[in-house]
Amino acid sequence: MTIRFFAGLREALNQSSLSVELAEDATVETALQLVAELHPNLPLTGLAYAINRQYVPLDATLKPNDELALIPPVSGG
């Protein structure tokens, strides 16, 4: 599956996505734990989550070909 990073997350990682393999019963929370292990300094609080462009809760189940988007809060000026 693909995890896509937006805004400040993308800038902090200097990459827009990450391909990962997760267990069949993996959730958004499982994916976040993996990202936290790979990038321990990445701020992962206050995010919105979308699977295949639809907003979902943290306990939503992921499928192998899904695209998970991690969307940080946006502020304007």
C-alpha atoms as a PDB file:
ATOM      1  CA  MET A   1       0.000   0.000   0.000  1.00  0.00           C
ATOM      2  CA  THR A   2       1.042   3.612  -0.362  1.00  0.00           C
ATOM      3  CA  ILE A   3       1.176   6.212   2.384  1.00  0.00           C
ATOM      4  CA  ARG A   4       1.066   9.772   1.029  1.00  0.00           C
ATOM      5  CA  PHE A   5       2.335  12.758   2.958  1.00  0.00           C
ATOM      6  CA  PHE A   6       1.001  16.276   2.557  1.00  0.00           C
ATOM      7  CA  ALA A   7       2.064  19.801   3.488  1.00  0.00           C
ATOM      8  CA  GLY A   8       4.522  19.953   6.404  1.00  0.00           C
ATOM      9  CA  LEU A   9       4.868  16.173   6.568  1.00  0.00           C
ATOM     10  CA  ARG A  10       6.007  16.034   2.950  1.00  0.00           C
ATOM     11  CA  GLU A  11       8.454  18.864   3.578  1.00  0.00           C
ATOM     12  CA  ALA A  12       9.831  17.274   6.765  1.00  0.00           C
ATOM     13  CA  LEU A  13      10.453  13.959   4.986  1.00  0.00           C
ATOM     14  CA  ASN A  14      11.475  15.448   1.656  1.00  0.00           C
ATOM     15  CA  GLN A  15       9.267  12.851  -0.020  1.00  0.00           C
ATOM     16  CA  SER A  16       5.604  12.675  -0.927  1.00  0.00           C
ATOM     17  CA  SER A  17       4.923   8.969  -0.420  1.00  0.00           C
ATOM     18  CA  LEU A  18       6.122   5.710   1.036  1.00  0.00           C
ATOM     19  CA  SER A  19       5.316   2.169  -0.135  1.00  0.00           C
ATOM     20  CA  VAL A  20       4.809  -0.308   2.694  1.00  0.00           C
ATOM     21  CA  GLU A  21       3.484  -3.796   3.307  1.00  0.00           C
ATOM     22  CA  LEU A  22       1.129  -4.273   6.226  1.00  0.00           C
ATOM     23  CA  ALA A  23      -0.790  -7.233   7.640  1.00  0.00           C
ATOM     24  CA  GLU A  24      -4.216  -7.942   6.181  1.00  0.00           C
ATOM     25  CA  ASP A  25      -6.054  -6.595   9.236  1.00  0.00           C
ATOM     26  CA  ALA A  26      -3.966  -3.407   9.471  1.00  0.00           C
ATOM     27  CA  THR A  27      -5.649  -0.147  10.386  1.00  0.00           C
ATOM     28  CA  VAL A  28      -4.748   3.488   9.910  1.00  0.00           C
ATOM     29  CA  GLU A  29      -3.334   3.367  13.435  1.00  0.00           C
ATOM     30  CA  THR A  30      -1.096   0.425  12.458  1.00  0.00           C
ATOM     31  CA  ALA A  31       0.231   2.421   9.509  1.00  0.00           C
ATOM     32  CA  LEU A  32       0.872   5.427  11.756  1.00  0.00           C
ATOM     33  CA  GLN A  33       2.840   3.251  14.162  1.00  0.00           C
ATOM     34  CA  LEU A  34       5.019   2.067  11.287  1.00  0.00           C
ATOM     35  CA  VAL A  35       5.627   5.632  10.105  1.00  0.00           C
ATOM     36  CA  ALA A  36       6.515   6.631  13.678  1.00  0.00           C
ATOM     37  CA  GLU A  37       9.038   3.783  13.872  1.00  0.00           C
ATOM     38  CA  LEU A  38      10.621   4.733  10.542  1.00  0.00           C
ATOM     39  CA  HIS A  39      10.588   8.491  11.232  1.00  0.00           C
ATOM     40  CA  PRO A  40      10.534   9.049  15.016  1.00  0.00           C
ATOM     41  CA  ASN A  41      10.863  12.851  14.785  1.00  0.00           C
ATOM     42  CA  LEU A  42       7.906  13.295  12.438  1.00  0.00           C
ATOM     43  CA  PRO A  43       4.951  15.098  14.084  1.00  0.00           C
ATOM     44  CA  LEU A  44       1.988  12.724  13.750  1.00  0.00           C
ATOM     45  CA  THR A  45      -0.575  14.404  16.003  1.00  0.00           C
ATOM     46  CA  GLY A  46      -3.691  16.276  14.923  1.00  0.00           C
ATOM     47  CA  LEU A  47      -3.760  14.646  11.494  1.00  0.00           C
ATOM     48  CA  ALA A  48      -6.699  13.855   9.251  1.00  0.00           C
ATOM     49  CA  TYR A  49      -6.643  10.501   7.458  1.00  0.00           C
ATOM     50  CA  ALA A  50      -8.037   9.529   4.065  1.00  0.00           C
ATOM     51  CA  ILE A  51      -8.153   6.140   2.387  1.00  0.00           C
ATOM     52  CA  ASN A  52      -8.515   6.410  -1.373  1.00  0.00           C
ATOM     53  CA  ARG A  53      -9.525  10.080  -1.011  1.00  0.00           C
ATOM     54  CA  GLN A  54     -12.247   9.501   1.586  1.00  0.00           C
ATOM     55  CA  TYR A  55     -11.769  10.706   5.151  1.00  0.00           C
ATOM     56  CA  VAL A  56     -11.707   7.869   7.669  1.00  0.00           C
ATOM     57  CA  PRO A  57     -11.209   7.365  11.429  1.00  0.00           C
ATOM     58  CA  LEU A  58      -8.049   5.994  13.012  1.00  0.00           C
ATOM     59  CA  ASP A  59      -9.533   2.483  13.306  1.00  0.00           C
ATOM     60  CA  ALA A  60     -10.394   2.158   9.591  1.00  0.00           C
ATOM     61  CA  THR A  61      -9.076  -1.046   7.993  1.00  0.00           C
ATOM     62  CA  LEU A  62      -6.604  -0.874   5.114  1.00  0.00           C
ATOM     63  CA  LYS A  63      -6.423  -3.126   2.046  1.00  0.00           C
ATOM     64  CA  PRO A  64      -3.229  -3.988   0.134  1.00  0.00           C
ATOM     65  CA  ASN A  65      -3.788  -1.574  -2.777  1.00  0.00           C
ATOM     66  CA  ASP A  66      -5.143   1.321  -0.722  1.00  0.00           C
ATOM     67  CA  GLU A  67      -3.638   4.776  -0.639  1.00  0.00           C
ATOM     68  CA  LEU A  68      -3.543   6.303   2.834  1.00  0.00           C
ATOM     69  CA  ALA A  69      -3.134  10.068   2.995  1.00  0.00           C
ATOM     70  CA  LEU A  70      -1.809  11.734   6.135  1.00  0.00           C
ATOM     71  CA  ILE A  71      -3.038  15.313   6.169  1.00  0.00           C
ATOM     72  CA  PRO A  72      -1.784  17.749   8.799  1.00  0.00           C
ATOM     73  CA  PRO A  73      -3.865  20.713   9.956  1.00  0.00           C
ATOM     74  CA  VAL A  74      -3.640  23.614   7.552  1.00  0.00           C
ATOM     75  CA  SER A  75      -3.275  27.210   8.596  1.00  0.00           C
ATOM     76  CA  GLY A  76      -3.501  30.198   6.364  1.00  0.00           C
ATOM     77  CA  GLY A  77      -2.414  33.725   6.586  1.00  0.00           C
END
